Protein backbone atom coordinates (compact mmCIF):
# COMPACT_ATOMS: atom_id res chain seq x y z
CA MET A 1 12.30 19.00 -7.66
CA ARG A 2 10.31 19.98 -10.88
CA ASP A 3 12.97 18.88 -13.02
CA TYR A 4 13.85 15.91 -10.70
CA PHE A 5 10.39 14.33 -11.26
CA LYS A 6 10.48 15.13 -15.05
CA ILE A 7 13.80 13.41 -15.23
CA CYS A 8 12.74 10.21 -13.57
CA SER A 9 9.81 10.27 -15.75
CA GLU A 10 11.92 10.27 -18.90
CA LEU A 11 14.32 7.20 -17.99
CA PRO A 12 15.39 5.35 -21.03
CA ASP A 13 14.74 1.73 -21.47
CA ILE A 14 11.88 1.18 -18.63
CA ASP A 15 8.44 1.34 -17.98
CA VAL A 16 7.58 3.77 -15.14
CA ILE A 17 4.90 1.63 -12.41
CA GLY A 18 4.72 4.74 -9.96
CA ASN A 19 6.56 8.11 -9.65
CA ASP A 20 5.03 9.72 -7.06
CA ILE A 21 5.86 12.31 -4.38
CA GLU A 22 4.10 12.01 -1.03
CA CYS A 23 3.67 15.06 0.96
CA ASP A 24 2.98 16.25 4.09
CA ASP A 25 0.19 18.26 4.96
CA SER A 26 0.41 22.46 5.91
CA ILE A 27 -1.89 21.62 9.23
CA GLY A 28 0.06 24.00 11.79
CA VAL A 29 2.28 25.86 8.92
CA ASP A 30 1.47 29.46 8.89
CA GLU A 31 -0.89 30.27 5.53
CA GLY A 32 1.79 33.86 4.85
CA ALA A 33 4.86 31.81 4.98
CA ILE A 34 3.21 29.19 2.21
CA CYS A 35 1.51 32.27 0.49
CA GLU A 36 5.11 33.63 0.41
CA LEU A 37 6.60 30.98 -0.80
CA ILE A 38 3.82 30.23 -3.57
CA GLU A 39 4.45 33.90 -4.36
CA ILE A 40 8.73 33.44 -5.28
CA GLY A 41 7.48 30.15 -7.67
CA TYR A 42 7.69 27.02 -5.31
CA ASN A 43 4.27 24.82 -5.57
CA LYS A 44 3.03 22.77 -2.45
CA THR A 45 4.68 19.90 -3.34
CA GLU A 46 8.19 21.54 -3.38
CA ILE A 47 7.16 22.92 -0.05
CA PHE A 48 5.55 19.63 1.56
CA GLY A 49 7.26 16.91 -0.24
CA LEU A 50 8.79 14.45 1.91
CA THR A 51 9.26 11.26 -0.03
CA HIS A 52 10.15 10.31 -3.78
CA MET A 53 8.56 7.13 -4.57
CA PHE A 54 9.76 5.66 -7.92
CA VAL A 55 9.34 2.19 -9.01
CA ALA A 56 10.38 0.73 -12.52
CA ARG A 57 10.86 -2.17 -14.41
CA LYS A 58 13.60 -2.27 -16.91
CA ARG A 59 12.34 -3.29 -20.35
CA ALA A 60 13.67 -6.54 -22.08
CA ARG A 61 16.05 -6.62 -24.46
CA SER A 62 13.59 -7.51 -27.17
CA GLN A 63 11.43 -4.46 -26.14
CA LEU A 64 14.21 -1.92 -26.39
CA LYS A 65 14.14 0.96 -28.74
CA VAL A 66 17.17 0.81 -31.45
């Protein structure tokens, strides 16, 4: 997910308005399981991420980098 999020933020010829991951809360999830996942390299966004909201606007031709 980290690469996906980064790639979206670097798309050419657009102005990013929003690039967010909406996450579920950890209520009811075993803390031990969360700690195990974090220990092997996951972050809380990767564990609880539900939806990626990406909003962008294509730049007008006059604003494009040449």
